[in-house]
Amino acid sequence: MAKKHRKESLDALFREKVLLEMLKIAGVGMWTYSTETGRLRYIGFADTIHRHDELQYVDPADYLKLMNGEDLQTVTQFMADIHAGRPPQEGIRYKIHGNGEDFYLENHVVTCQPLGNGFYYLKGYVKNITAQVMEANRLCIEKERTEQADRLRSAFFAHVSRELRGPLNRIEELALQMVHAESVEEREECFHRIQENRRMAMKIADALHAVSQLPVSTYEPYHSPMQLCLIYRDLLMENGYSHNPEDGEQEENANFLSLLFS
């Protein structure tokens, strides 16, 4: 009989150890609360403030001091609902601060047992969701930056494409002048100016192509297309358009871009 009792005790200890290890890995804590005594008992690993592998008592008033603003209102309302015997079905999310860290938690009521005289005994669990919240925030910021980059990219190309129309329009005007030129000298002058504008148009097209190849991650959230032009000028310089005394064409491109984007 003693051997059986010892085995059951060992089995219970093993189950407790396994449960604690699972709570630790999952970042979960388990709690019970009596609205009659106001005593909150907790065991688990949802945060480093109350991280413990033994059952302990937590003062609800001290717990509320760990949060501010909307989080404080959320948990205060949660406590009010518990005392009224109306625990929320979906649980709540909030942030606490302690030990120099912020913790995002998700708190759920599992059972709500009436004790009589309007009092209740509740069991629940709290889970650390800091990693999920931070990842969701990162994805949200990344999405916003990508959308902003797309808008600015469109504004940028709309702005710079107007620069491309300049030499193209001049080429058309010079072609008409060339047709009606009365001397060889006039035609040669028109031809020379057409070639200059053609080279200018090609450089603008090359610049636009270079910008279109830049990764979205290099964009910065500026709202002004003109300000964006300045940023792109710097980006282009960093992506192969920097001054190089040994490369005349590259130097010419850099000078051109400085004029175009300033």
C-alpha atoms as a PDB file:
ATOM      1  CA  MET A   1       0.000   0.000   0.000  1.00  0.00           C
ATOM      2  CA  ALA A   2       2.865   2.343   0.917  1.00  0.00           C
ATOM      3  CA  LYS A   3       4.625   1.473  -2.340  1.00  0.00           C
ATOM      4  CA  LYS A   4       1.460   2.309  -4.346  1.00  0.00           C
ATOM      5  CA  HIS A   5       1.067   5.613  -2.509  1.00  0.00           C
ATOM      6  CA  ARG A   6       4.723   6.453  -3.182  1.00  0.00           C
ATOM      7  CA  LYS A   7       4.261   5.641  -6.870  1.00  0.00           C
ATOM      8  CA  GLU A   8       1.177   7.873  -7.097  1.00  0.00           C
ATOM      9  CA  SER A   9       3.111  10.683  -5.407  1.00  0.00           C
ATOM     10  CA  LEU A  10       5.964  10.279  -7.865  1.00  0.00           C
ATOM     11  CA  ASP A  11       3.513  10.247 -10.781  1.00  0.00           C
ATOM     12  CA  ALA A  12       1.888  13.445  -9.491  1.00  0.00           C
ATOM     13  CA  LEU A  13       5.315  15.077  -9.098  1.00  0.00           C
ATOM     14  CA  PHE A  14       6.266  14.028 -12.626  1.00  0.00           C
ATOM     15  CA  ARG A  15       3.022  15.448 -14.060  1.00  0.00           C
ATOM     16  CA  GLU A  16       3.659  18.691 -12.191  1.00  0.00           C
ATOM     17  CA  LYS A  17       7.217  18.918 -13.552  1.00  0.00           C
ATOM     18  CA  VAL A  18       6.001  18.229 -17.083  1.00  0.00           C
ATOM     19  CA  LEU A  19       3.263  20.842 -16.736  1.00  0.00           C
ATOM     20  CA  LEU A  20       5.721  23.450 -15.465  1.00  0.00           C
ATOM     21  CA  GLU A  21       8.110  22.717 -18.322  1.00  0.00           C
ATOM     22  CA  MET A  22       5.289  23.097 -20.840  1.00  0.00           C
ATOM     23  CA  LEU A  23       4.245  26.395 -19.248  1.00  0.00           C
ATOM     24  CA  LYS A  24       7.833  27.583 -19.371  1.00  0.00           C
ATOM     25  CA  ILE A  25       8.299  26.709 -23.028  1.00  0.00           C
ATOM     26  CA  ALA A  26       4.967  28.260 -24.041  1.00  0.00           C
ATOM     27  CA  GLY A  27       5.411  31.397 -21.901  1.00  0.00           C
ATOM     28  CA  VAL A  28       2.133  30.750 -20.099  1.00  0.00           C
ATOM     29  CA  GLY A  29       0.970  31.305 -16.538  1.00  0.00           C
ATOM     30  CA  MET A  30      -2.073  29.842 -14.757  1.00  0.00           C
ATOM     31  CA  TRP A  31      -4.118  31.745 -12.207  1.00  0.00           C
ATOM     32  CA  THR A  32      -7.094  31.471  -9.867  1.00  0.00           C
ATOM     33  CA  TYR A  33      -9.036  34.351  -8.359  1.00  0.00           C
ATOM     34  CA  SER A  34     -11.729  34.644  -5.703  1.00  0.00           C
ATOM     35  CA  THR A  35     -13.919  37.751  -5.864  1.00  0.00           C
ATOM     36  CA  GLU A  36     -14.834  37.083  -2.225  1.00  0.00           C
ATOM     37  CA  THR A  37     -11.284  37.307  -0.827  1.00  0.00           C
ATOM     38  CA  GLY A  38      -9.703  39.298  -3.654  1.00  0.00           C
ATOM     39  CA  ARG A  39      -6.822  36.833  -3.651  1.00  0.00           C
ATOM     40  CA  LEU A  40      -5.082  36.142  -6.955  1.00  0.00           C
ATOM     41  CA  ARG A  41      -2.915  33.034  -7.074  1.00  0.00           C
ATOM     42  CA  TYR A  42      -0.469  32.545  -9.951  1.00  0.00           C
ATOM     43  CA  ILE A  43       2.092  30.085 -11.218  1.00  0.00           C
ATOM     44  CA  GLY A  44       3.915  30.232 -14.527  1.00  0.00           C
ATOM     45  CA  PHE A  45       6.210  32.056 -16.894  1.00  0.00           C
ATOM     46  CA  ALA A  46       4.210  34.707 -18.788  1.00  0.00           C
ATOM     47  CA  ASP A  47       6.626  37.475 -17.741  1.00  0.00           C
ATOM     48  CA  THR A  48       9.824  37.905 -15.751  1.00  0.00           C
ATOM     49  CA  ILE A  49       8.068  39.994 -13.097  1.00  0.00           C
ATOM     50  CA  HIS A  50       6.002  37.096 -11.771  1.00  0.00           C
ATOM     51  CA  ARG A  51       8.064  34.277 -13.300  1.00  0.00           C
ATOM     52  CA  HIS A  52       7.933  31.480 -10.774  1.00  0.00           C
ATOM     53  CA  ASP A  53       7.637  27.715 -10.698  1.00  0.00           C
ATOM     54  CA  GLU A  54       5.781  27.745  -7.380  1.00  0.00           C
ATOM     55  CA  LEU A  55       2.327  29.016  -6.556  1.00  0.00           C
ATOM     56  CA  GLN A  56       2.396  32.607  -5.320  1.00  0.00           C
ATOM     57  CA  TYR A  57      -0.041  35.342  -4.413  1.00  0.00           C
ATOM     58  CA  VAL A  58      -0.236  38.490  -6.528  1.00  0.00           C
ATOM     59  CA  ASP A  59      -1.856  41.692  -5.299  1.00  0.00           C
ATOM     60  CA  PRO A  60      -4.259  42.879  -8.055  1.00  0.00           C
ATOM     61  CA  ALA A  61      -3.617  46.509  -7.045  1.00  0.00           C
ATOM     62  CA  ASP A  62       0.136  46.054  -7.530  1.00  0.00           C
ATOM     63  CA  TYR A  63      -0.502  44.323 -10.849  1.00  0.00           C
ATOM     64  CA  LEU A  64      -2.506  47.291 -12.131  1.00  0.00           C
ATOM     65  CA  LYS A  65       0.424  49.593 -11.327  1.00  0.00           C
ATOM     66  CA  LEU A  66       2.421  47.856 -14.062  1.00  0.00           C
ATOM     67  CA  MET A  67       0.293  49.337 -16.857  1.00  0.00           C
ATOM     68  CA  ASN A  68      -0.854  52.708 -18.164  1.00  0.00           C
ATOM     69  CA  GLY A  69      -3.497  54.330 -20.340  1.00  0.00           C
ATOM     70  CA  GLU A  70      -5.752  52.077 -22.369  1.00  0.00           C
ATOM     71  CA  ASP A  71      -4.119  48.934 -20.988  1.00  0.00           C
ATOM     72  CA  LEU A  72      -5.014  49.998 -17.431  1.00  0.00           C
ATOM     73  CA  GLN A  73      -8.604  50.699 -18.517  1.00  0.00           C
ATOM     74  CA  THR A  74      -8.805  47.332 -20.287  1.00  0.00           C
ATOM     75  CA  VAL A  75      -7.666  45.326 -17.258  1.00  0.00           C
ATOM     76  CA  THR A  76      -9.738  47.422 -14.834  1.00  0.00           C
ATOM     77  CA  GLN A  77     -12.837  46.681 -16.918  1.00  0.00           C
ATOM     78  CA  PHE A  78     -11.788  43.016 -17.049  1.00  0.00           C
ATOM     79  CA  MET A  79     -11.689  42.911 -13.236  1.00  0.00           C
ATOM     80  CA  ALA A  80     -15.075  44.638 -13.031  1.00  0.00           C
ATOM     81  CA  ASP A  81     -16.594  42.067 -15.403  1.00  0.00           C
ATOM     82  CA  ILE A  82     -15.098  39.257 -13.325  1.00  0.00           C
ATOM     83  CA  HIS A  83     -16.582  40.633 -10.111  1.00  0.00           C
ATOM     84  CA  ALA A  84     -19.945  40.894 -11.864  1.00  0.00           C
ATOM     85  CA  GLY A  85     -19.692  37.264 -12.962  1.00  0.00           C
ATOM     86  CA  ARG A  86     -19.491  38.253 -16.623  1.00  0.00           C
ATOM     87  CA  PRO A  87     -15.956  37.327 -17.748  1.00  0.00           C
ATOM     88  CA  PRO A  88     -15.292  38.184 -21.413  1.00  0.00           C
ATOM     89  CA  GLN A  89     -15.568  35.273 -23.808  1.00  0.00           C
ATOM     90  CA  GLU A  90     -12.584  36.177 -25.971  1.00  0.00           C
ATOM     91  CA  GLY A  91     -10.118  37.230 -23.286  1.00  0.00           C
ATOM     92  CA  ILE A  92      -8.161  40.492 -23.329  1.00  0.00           C
ATOM     93  CA  ARG A  93      -4.803  41.785 -24.559  1.00  0.00           C
ATOM     94  CA  TYR A  94      -2.704  44.383 -22.755  1.00  0.00           C
ATOM     95  CA  LYS A  95       0.840  45.500 -22.030  1.00  0.00           C
ATOM     96  CA  ILE A  96       2.676  45.639 -18.712  1.00  0.00           C
ATOM     97  CA  HIS A  97       6.062  47.102 -17.884  1.00  0.00           C
ATOM     98  CA  GLY A  98       8.499  45.794 -15.301  1.00  0.00           C
ATOM     99  CA  ASN A  99      12.140  44.802 -14.824  1.00  0.00           C
ATOM    100  CA  GLY A 100      12.982  47.252 -17.612  1.00  0.00           C
ATOM    101  CA  GLU A 101      10.903  45.337 -20.168  1.00  0.00           C
ATOM    102  CA  ASP A 102       7.538  45.570 -21.888  1.00  0.00           C
ATOM    103  CA  PHE A 103       5.394  42.433 -21.995  1.00  0.00           C
ATOM    104  CA  TYR A 104       2.349  41.952 -24.208  1.00  0.00           C
ATOM    105  CA  LEU A 105      -0.037  39.497 -22.587  1.00  0.00           C
ATOM    106  CA  GLU A 106      -3.251  37.707 -23.482  1.00  0.00           C
ATOM    107  CA  ASN A 107      -5.476  36.812 -20.531  1.00  0.00           C
ATOM    108  CA  HIS A 108      -8.322  34.277 -20.666  1.00  0.00           C
ATOM    109  CA  VAL A 109     -10.891  33.076 -18.148  1.00  0.00           C
ATOM    110  CA  VAL A 110     -11.411  29.309 -18.390  1.00  0.00           C
ATOM    111  CA  THR A 111     -14.040  28.724 -15.682  1.00  0.00           C
ATOM    112  CA  CYS A 112     -16.244  30.971 -13.536  1.00  0.00           C
ATOM    113  CA  GLN A 113     -17.804  29.152 -10.578  1.00  0.00           C
ATOM    114  CA  PRO A 114     -20.467  30.858  -8.390  1.00  0.00           C
ATOM    115  CA  LEU A 115     -19.719  30.780  -4.650  1.00  0.00           C
ATOM    116  CA  GLY A 116     -23.003  32.273  -3.532  1.00  0.00           C
ATOM    117  CA  ASN A 117     -23.833  35.739  -2.220  1.00  0.00           C
ATOM    118  CA  GLY A 118     -22.691  37.234  -5.520  1.00  0.00           C
ATOM    119  CA  PHE A 119     -19.131  35.926  -5.301  1.00  0.00           C
ATOM    120  CA  TYR A 120     -17.228  33.891  -7.889  1.00  0.00           C
ATOM    121  CA  TYR A 121     -14.169  31.673  -8.106  1.00  0.00           C
ATOM    122  CA  LEU A 122     -12.369  31.871 -11.444  1.00  0.00           C
ATOM    123  CA  LYS A 123      -9.594  29.978 -13.174  1.00  0.00           C
ATOM    124  CA  GLY A 124      -7.689  31.162 -16.200  1.00  0.00           C
ATOM    125  CA  TYR A 125      -4.384  31.525 -17.948  1.00  0.00           C
ATOM    126  CA  VAL A 126      -2.211  34.362 -19.226  1.00  0.00           C
ATOM    127  CA  LYS A 127       0.056  33.982 -22.253  1.00  0.00           C
ATOM    128  CA  ASN A 128       3.069  36.011 -23.344  1.00  0.00           C
ATOM    129  CA  ILE A 129       2.385  37.227 -26.897  1.00  0.00           C
ATOM    130  CA  THR A 130       5.200  39.780 -27.074  1.00  0.00           C
ATOM    131  CA  ALA A 131       6.919  38.062 -30.013  1.00  0.00           C
ATOM    132  CA  GLN A 132       3.677  37.871 -32.020  1.00  0.00           C
ATOM    133  CA  VAL A 133       2.807  41.519 -31.335  1.00  0.00           C
ATOM    134  CA  MET A 134       6.287  42.730 -32.269  1.00  0.00           C
ATOM    135  CA  GLU A 135       6.229  40.695 -35.475  1.00  0.00           C
ATOM    136  CA  ALA A 136       2.748  41.996 -36.347  1.00  0.00           C
ATOM    137  CA  ASN A 137       3.947  45.562 -35.728  1.00  0.00           C
ATOM    138  CA  ARG A 138       6.991  44.972 -37.907  1.00  0.00           C
ATOM    139  CA  LEU A 139       4.867  43.584 -40.755  1.00  0.00           C
ATOM    140  CA  CYS A 140       2.433  46.491 -40.430  1.00  0.00           C
ATOM    141  CA  ILE A 141       5.241  49.043 -40.602  1.00  0.00           C
ATOM    142  CA  GLU A 142       6.800  47.197 -43.534  1.00  0.00           C
ATOM    143  CA  LYS A 143       3.445  47.161 -45.347  1.00  0.00           C
ATOM    144  CA  GLU A 144       2.950  50.887 -44.751  1.00  0.00           C
ATOM    145  CA  ARG A 145       6.474  51.652 -45.938  1.00  0.00           C
ATOM    146  CA  THR A 146       5.983  49.557 -49.075  1.00  0.00           C
ATOM    147  CA  GLU A 147       2.681  51.278 -49.876  1.00  0.00           C
ATOM    148  CA  GLN A 148       4.248  54.673 -49.243  1.00  0.00           C
ATOM    149  CA  ALA A 149       7.220  53.732 -51.418  1.00  0.00           C
ATOM    150  CA  ASP A 150       4.864  52.748 -54.245  1.00  0.00           C
ATOM    151  CA  ARG A 151       3.037  56.088 -54.006  1.00  0.00           C
ATOM    152  CA  LEU A 152       6.278  58.039 -53.954  1.00  0.00           C
ATOM    153  CA  ARG A 153       7.690  55.989 -56.774  1.00  0.00           C
ATOM    154  CA  SER A 154       4.679  56.881 -58.930  1.00  0.00           C
ATOM    155  CA  ALA A 155       4.953  60.558 -57.969  1.00  0.00           C
ATOM    156  CA  PHE A 156       8.661  60.496 -58.698  1.00  0.00           C
ATOM    157  CA  PHE A 157       8.294  59.005 -62.173  1.00  0.00           C
ATOM    158  CA  ALA A 158       5.438  61.382 -62.965  1.00  0.00           C
ATOM    159  CA  HIS A 159       7.636  64.309 -61.956  1.00  0.00           C
ATOM    160  CA  VAL A 160      10.790  63.215 -63.801  1.00  0.00           C
ATOM    161  CA  SER A 161       8.944  62.041 -66.916  1.00  0.00           C
ATOM    162  CA  ARG A 162       8.061  65.704 -67.482  1.00  0.00           C
ATOM    163  CA  GLU A 163      11.795  66.343 -67.715  1.00  0.00           C
ATOM    164  CA  LEU A 164      11.967  63.760 -70.479  1.00  0.00           C
ATOM    165  CA  ARG A 165       9.308  65.565 -72.516  1.00  0.00           C
ATOM    166  CA  GLY A 166      11.528  68.668 -72.687  1.00  0.00           C
ATOM    167  CA  PRO A 167      14.273  67.337 -74.981  1.00  0.00           C
ATOM    168  CA  LEU A 168      11.750  65.280 -76.958  1.00  0.00           C
ATOM    169  CA  ASN A 169       9.653  68.383 -77.666  1.00  0.00           C
ATOM    170  CA  ARG A 170      12.789  70.313 -78.617  1.00  0.00           C
ATOM    171  CA  ILE A 171      13.820  67.546 -81.001  1.00  0.00           C
ATOM    172  CA  GLU A 172      10.414  67.798 -82.712  1.00  0.00           C
ATOM    173  CA  GLU A 173      10.714  71.601 -82.989  1.00  0.00           C
ATOM    174  CA  LEU A 174      14.261  71.384 -84.320  1.00  0.00           C
ATOM    175  CA  ALA A 175      13.223  68.747 -86.870  1.00  0.00           C
ATOM    176  CA  LEU A 176      10.614  71.177 -88.248  1.00  0.00           C
ATOM    177  CA  GLN A 177      13.176  73.965 -88.317  1.00  0.00           C
ATOM    178  CA  MET A 178      15.581  71.682 -90.145  1.00  0.00           C
ATOM    179  CA  VAL A 179      12.985  70.911 -92.820  1.00  0.00           C
ATOM    180  CA  HIS A 180      12.412  74.611 -93.450  1.00  0.00           C
ATOM    181  CA  ALA A 181      16.051  75.655 -93.103  1.00  0.00           C
ATOM    182  CA  GLU A 182      17.268  77.829 -95.995  1.00  0.00           C
ATOM    183  CA  SER A 183      20.963  77.033 -95.702  1.00  0.00           C
ATOM    184  CA  VAL A 184      23.309  74.151 -95.039  1.00  0.00           C
ATOM    185  CA  GLU A 185      24.647  75.938 -91.954  1.00  0.00           C
ATOM    186  CA  GLU A 186      21.143  76.210 -90.467  1.00  0.00           C
ATOM    187  CA  ARG A 187      20.469  72.515 -91.101  1.00  0.00           C
ATOM    188  CA  GLU A 188      23.816  71.535 -89.528  1.00  0.00           C
ATOM    189  CA  GLU A 189      23.060  73.681 -86.480  1.00  0.00           C
ATOM    190  CA  CYS A 190      19.618  72.058 -86.127  1.00  0.00           C
ATOM    191  CA  PHE A 191      21.165  68.616 -86.526  1.00  0.00           C
ATOM    192  CA  HIS A 192      23.798  69.394 -83.880  1.00  0.00           C
ATOM    193  CA  ARG A 193      21.136  70.596 -81.413  1.00  0.00           C
ATOM    194  CA  ILE A 194      18.950  67.549 -82.175  1.00  0.00           C
ATOM    195  CA  GLN A 195      21.899  65.306 -81.291  1.00  0.00           C
ATOM    196  CA  GLU A 196      22.440  67.181 -78.019  1.00  0.00           C
ATOM    197  CA  ASN A 197      18.793  66.811 -77.045  1.00  0.00           C
ATOM    198  CA  ARG A 198      18.815  63.153 -78.071  1.00  0.00           C
ATOM    199  CA  ARG A 199      21.776  62.527 -75.761  1.00  0.00           C
ATOM    200  CA  MET A 200      20.002  64.422 -72.968  1.00  0.00           C
ATOM    201  CA  ALA A 201      16.834  62.328 -73.452  1.00  0.00           C
ATOM    202  CA  MET A 202      18.872  59.116 -73.381  1.00  0.00           C
ATOM    203  CA  LYS A 203      20.563  60.148 -70.140  1.00  0.00           C
ATOM    204  CA  ILE A 204      17.194  60.904 -68.535  1.00  0.00           C
ATOM    205  CA  ALA A 205      15.890  57.527 -69.707  1.00  0.00           C
ATOM    206  CA  ASP A 206      19.004  55.809 -68.322  1.00  0.00           C
ATOM    207  CA  ALA A 207      18.575  57.631 -65.012  1.00  0.00           C
ATOM    208  CA  LEU A 208      14.927  56.556 -64.784  1.00  0.00           C
ATOM    209  CA  HIS A 209      15.901  52.976 -65.549  1.00  0.00           C
ATOM    210  CA  ALA A 210      18.584  53.041 -62.838  1.00  0.00           C
ATOM    211  CA  VAL A 211      16.062  54.358 -60.322  1.00  0.00           C
ATOM    212  CA  SER A 212      13.505  51.708 -61.287  1.00  0.00           C
ATOM    213  CA  GLN A 213      16.048  49.001 -60.433  1.00  0.00           C
ATOM    214  CA  LEU A 214      16.625  50.263 -56.889  1.00  0.00           C
ATOM    215  CA  PRO A 215      15.121  47.970 -54.192  1.00  0.00           C
ATOM    216  CA  VAL A 216      12.060  49.294 -52.380  1.00  0.00           C
ATOM    217  CA  SER A 217      13.918  48.867 -49.077  1.00  0.00           C
ATOM    218  CA  THR A 218      16.115  51.842 -49.999  1.00  0.00           C
ATOM    219  CA  TYR A 219      13.188  54.249 -50.265  1.00  0.00           C
ATOM    220  CA  GLU A 220      12.529  56.745 -47.522  1.00  0.00           C
ATOM    221  CA  PRO A 221       9.007  57.979 -46.627  1.00  0.00           C
ATOM    222  CA  TYR A 222       9.144  61.514 -47.977  1.00  0.00           C
ATOM    223  CA  HIS A 223       5.886  63.100 -49.101  1.00  0.00           C
ATOM    224  CA  SER A 224       7.383  65.662 -51.486  1.00  0.00           C
ATOM    225  CA  PRO A 225       8.332  64.418 -54.980  1.00  0.00           C
ATOM    226  CA  MET A 226      11.000  67.146 -55.141  1.00  0.00           C
ATOM    227  CA  GLN A 227      12.456  65.980 -51.830  1.00  0.00           C
ATOM    228  CA  LEU A 228      12.310  62.457 -53.179  1.00  0.00           C
ATOM    229  CA  CYS A 229      14.299  63.589 -56.206  1.00  0.00           C
ATOM    230  CA  LEU A 230      17.088  64.693 -53.888  1.00  0.00           C
ATOM    231  CA  ILE A 231      17.024  61.365 -52.109  1.00  0.00           C
ATOM    232  CA  TYR A 232      17.162  59.515 -55.418  1.00  0.00           C
ATOM    233  CA  ARG A 233      20.087  61.611 -56.520  1.00  0.00           C
ATOM    234  CA  ASP A 234      21.995  60.424 -53.458  1.00  0.00           C
ATOM    235  CA  LEU A 235      20.838  56.851 -54.030  1.00  0.00           C
ATOM    236  CA  LEU A 236      21.984  56.963 -57.628  1.00  0.00           C
ATOM    237  CA  MET A 237      25.361  58.292 -56.556  1.00  0.00           C
ATOM    238  CA  GLU A 238      25.663  55.359 -54.163  1.00  0.00           C
ATOM    239  CA  ASN A 239      24.618  52.927 -56.888  1.00  0.00           C
ATOM    240  CA  GLY A 240      27.283  53.655 -59.469  1.00  0.00           C
ATOM    241  CA  TYR A 241      26.938  57.332 -60.353  1.00  0.00           C
ATOM    242  CA  SER A 242      29.659  58.613 -58.019  1.00  0.00           C
ATOM    243  CA  HIS A 243      32.456  60.887 -59.232  1.00  0.00           C
ATOM    244  CA  ASN A 244      35.357  58.953 -60.737  1.00  0.00           C
ATOM    245  CA  PRO A 245      38.158  61.029 -62.353  1.00  0.00           C
ATOM    246  CA  GLU A 246      39.230  58.002 -64.415  1.00  0.00           C
ATOM    247  CA  ASP A 247      35.781  57.540 -65.942  1.00  0.00           C
ATOM    248  CA  GLY A 248      34.685  60.526 -68.034  1.00  0.00           C
ATOM    249  CA  GLU A 249      31.266  59.077 -68.914  1.00  0.00           C
ATOM    250  CA  GLN A 250      30.497  58.339 -65.278  1.00  0.00           C
ATOM    251  CA  GLU A 251      31.546  61.858 -64.314  1.00  0.00           C
ATOM    252  CA  GLU A 252      29.301  63.278 -67.049  1.00  0.00           C
ATOM    253  CA  ASN A 253      26.389  61.205 -65.761  1.00  0.00           C
ATOM    254  CA  ALA A 254      26.970  62.416 -62.204  1.00  0.00           C
ATOM    255  CA  ASN A 255      27.047  66.049 -63.322  1.00  0.00           C
ATOM    256  CA  PHE A 256      23.869  65.555 -65.326  1.00  0.00           C
ATOM    257  CA  LEU A 257      22.058  63.932 -62.401  1.00  0.00           C
ATOM    258  CA  SER A 258      23.121  66.736 -60.083  1.00  0.00           C
ATOM    259  CA  LEU A 259      21.436  69.195 -62.409  1.00  0.00           C
ATOM    260  CA  LEU A 260      18.360  67.036 -62.985  1.00  0.00           C
ATOM    261  CA  PHE A 261      17.612  66.247 -59.352  1.00  0.00           C
ATOM    262  CA  SER A 262      18.508  69.566 -57.731  1.00  0.00           C
END
